[in-house]
Amino acid sequence: MKVKRVISASSSRFAAQLFNILTVVALLISLTALLLGKLLASHKIGFLPFVLSLPPVMLWLGASIFVYAGIAHHPNPRAAHYNKWAGYRFYGVMGSLMVIGPAIYGLLDGWQGLMLVLGLAVLIIVPWALFDIYKAAREPWQDMTIEVEL
């Protein structure tokens, strides 16, 4: 038995923006935690900025796989398109930083190297993601009717 379901325009728009929104939030939380850890750390616990800044990025790296997979087969091809490019951007930058990050981290001592690596990720991903969020909000989305087999 087939049933018709309506996917609202706002739902499609939100699906198109979700990966970018969560990526921006995770990176900004990580950057804030790094700066807060630097302010709170003394010389005896110099690893605190490192410990505070990595969990948000690592948790989002794992959770992003599920968010990406959930949106990848969205019935609206525009939502899937925005999701695909957000994933390319995030995974591309994070993968590149895994390769060149240790060299950048080695240029400076301790938290400054981490700040440079994380700052580079934020500078590449966040403006582009915010532009995609804006672009998806301005796009004319329409309700879709799909048939679902029960």
Protein backbone atom coordinates (compact mmCIF):
# COMPACT_ATOMS: atom_id res chain seq x y z
CA MET A 1 0.00 0.00 0.00
CA LYS A 2 1.41 3.36 -1.02
CA VAL A 3 0.82 6.48 1.02
CA LYS A 4 1.51 10.05 -0.07
CA ARG A 5 3.64 12.14 2.26
CA VAL A 6 4.36 15.86 2.03
CA ILE A 7 7.85 17.15 2.70
CA SER A 8 7.51 20.81 3.54
CA ALA A 9 9.69 23.49 1.98
CA SER A 10 11.00 24.50 5.40
CA SER A 11 11.99 20.90 6.12
CA SER A 12 13.95 20.71 2.87
CA ARG A 13 15.62 24.04 3.56
CA PHE A 14 16.58 22.95 7.08
CA ALA A 15 18.00 19.68 5.75
CA ALA A 16 20.11 21.67 3.29
CA GLN A 17 21.45 23.88 6.08
CA LEU A 18 21.84 21.35 8.90
CA PHE A 19 25.32 19.97 8.18
CA ASN A 20 26.73 23.49 7.76
CA ILE A 21 25.04 24.79 10.91
CA LEU A 22 26.36 21.95 13.06
CA THR A 23 29.85 22.26 11.56
CA VAL A 24 30.00 25.98 12.37
CA VAL A 25 28.75 25.34 15.91
CA ALA A 26 31.28 22.54 16.55
CA LEU A 27 34.22 24.56 15.23
CA LEU A 28 33.27 27.70 17.15
CA ILE A 29 32.77 25.73 20.37
CA SER A 30 36.18 24.14 19.85
CA LEU A 31 37.85 27.49 19.19
CA THR A 32 36.13 29.04 22.22
CA ALA A 33 37.21 26.10 24.40
CA LEU A 34 40.79 26.52 23.18
CA LEU A 35 40.83 30.20 24.07
CA LEU A 36 39.09 29.61 27.39
CA GLY A 37 41.51 26.81 28.23
CA LYS A 38 44.43 29.12 27.49
CA LEU A 39 43.01 31.75 29.82
CA LEU A 40 42.46 29.22 32.62
CA ALA A 41 45.65 27.21 32.22
CA SER A 42 48.69 27.81 34.30
CA HIS A 43 52.17 26.66 33.41
CA LYS A 44 51.61 23.40 35.30
CA ILE A 45 48.59 22.37 33.26
CA GLY A 46 49.58 23.63 29.83
CA PHE A 47 47.75 20.75 28.15
CA LEU A 48 44.35 22.14 29.24
CA PRO A 49 43.69 24.11 26.01
CA PHE A 50 44.44 20.97 24.00
CA VAL A 51 42.16 18.82 26.16
CA LEU A 52 39.28 21.32 25.99
CA SER A 53 39.44 22.09 22.27
CA LEU A 54 39.60 18.65 20.66
CA PRO A 55 36.46 16.86 21.97
CA PRO A 56 33.92 19.08 20.13
CA VAL A 57 35.69 18.53 16.80
CA MET A 58 36.18 14.81 17.43
CA LEU A 59 32.56 14.31 18.50
CA TRP A 60 31.31 16.23 15.48
CA LEU A 61 33.60 14.24 13.20
CA GLY A 62 31.87 11.06 14.36
CA ALA A 63 28.34 12.46 14.52
CA SER A 64 28.71 14.19 11.15
CA ILE A 65 28.85 10.83 9.42
CA PHE A 66 25.33 10.06 10.62
CA VAL A 67 24.03 13.53 9.77
CA TYR A 68 25.62 13.36 6.32
CA ALA A 69 24.22 9.88 5.64
CA GLY A 70 20.79 10.91 6.87
CA ILE A 71 20.58 13.84 4.46
CA ALA A 72 22.45 12.27 1.54
CA HIS A 73 19.35 10.50 0.23
CA HIS A 74 16.90 13.31 0.87
CA PRO A 75 14.10 13.30 -1.71
CA ASN A 76 14.82 16.93 -2.57
CA PRO A 77 17.94 16.94 -4.79
CA ARG A 78 18.85 20.51 -3.77
CA ALA A 79 19.01 19.52 -0.08
CA ALA A 80 21.24 16.58 -0.98
CA HIS A 81 23.40 18.91 -3.12
CA TYR A 82 24.01 21.36 -0.24
CA ASN A 83 24.75 18.44 2.08
CA LYS A 84 27.21 16.91 -0.38
CA TRP A 85 29.25 20.09 -0.72
CA ALA A 86 29.21 20.75 3.03
CA GLY A 87 30.60 17.25 3.54
CA TYR A 88 33.25 17.69 0.86
CA ARG A 89 34.36 20.92 2.50
CA PHE A 90 34.44 19.62 6.07
CA TYR A 91 36.00 16.22 5.40
CA GLY A 92 38.45 17.70 2.89
CA VAL A 93 39.76 20.30 5.30
CA MET A 94 39.89 17.90 8.24
CA GLY A 95 41.67 15.26 6.15
CA SER A 96 44.15 17.82 4.85
CA LEU A 97 44.84 19.04 8.36
CA MET A 98 45.59 15.47 9.42
CA VAL A 99 48.37 15.48 6.83
CA ILE A 100 49.78 19.00 7.17
CA GLY A 101 48.61 19.69 10.75
CA PRO A 102 51.59 18.06 12.49
CA ALA A 103 54.00 20.13 10.40
CA ILE A 104 52.09 23.32 11.23
CA TYR A 105 51.84 22.27 14.88
CA GLY A 106 55.59 21.66 14.93
CA LEU A 107 56.34 25.22 13.78
CA LEU A 108 55.08 26.69 17.03
CA ASP A 109 55.16 25.46 20.60
CA GLY A 110 52.17 23.91 22.35
CA TRP A 111 48.85 25.70 22.26
CA GLN A 112 50.02 28.22 19.64
CA GLY A 113 50.46 25.44 17.09
CA LEU A 114 47.04 24.04 17.96
CA MET A 115 45.59 27.54 17.66
CA LEU A 116 47.13 27.87 14.20
CA VAL A 117 45.78 24.51 13.00
CA LEU A 118 42.30 25.02 14.45
CA GLY A 119 42.25 28.64 13.29
CA LEU A 120 43.09 27.53 9.77
CA ALA A 121 40.17 25.08 9.81
CA VAL A 122 37.82 27.78 11.11
CA LEU A 123 39.02 30.32 8.54
CA ILE A 124 38.47 27.90 5.66
CA ILE A 125 35.21 26.24 6.70
CA VAL A 126 33.14 28.79 8.63
CA PRO A 127 32.81 31.63 6.08
CA TRP A 128 32.03 29.20 3.29
CA ALA A 129 29.49 27.33 5.44
CA LEU A 130 27.81 30.58 6.50
CA PHE A 131 27.54 31.57 2.84
CA ASP A 132 25.92 28.22 2.02
CA ILE A 133 23.46 28.64 4.91
CA TYR A 134 22.57 32.08 3.57
CA LYS A 135 22.32 30.80 -0.01
CA ALA A 136 20.02 27.93 1.03
CA ALA A 137 17.82 30.35 2.96
CA ARG A 138 17.42 32.57 -0.11
CA GLU A 139 16.61 29.71 -2.48
CA PRO A 140 12.92 29.22 -3.39
CA TRP A 141 12.01 25.91 -1.72
CA GLN A 142 8.74 24.16 -2.51
CA ASP A 143 6.71 21.46 -0.81
CA MET A 144 7.22 17.98 -2.25
CA THR A 145 4.82 15.07 -2.34
CA ILE A 146 6.35 11.61 -2.32
CA GLU A 147 4.86 8.14 -2.26
CA VAL A 148 5.98 5.87 0.55
CA GLU A 149 5.32 2.16 0.60
CA LEU A 150 4.08 0.86 3.92
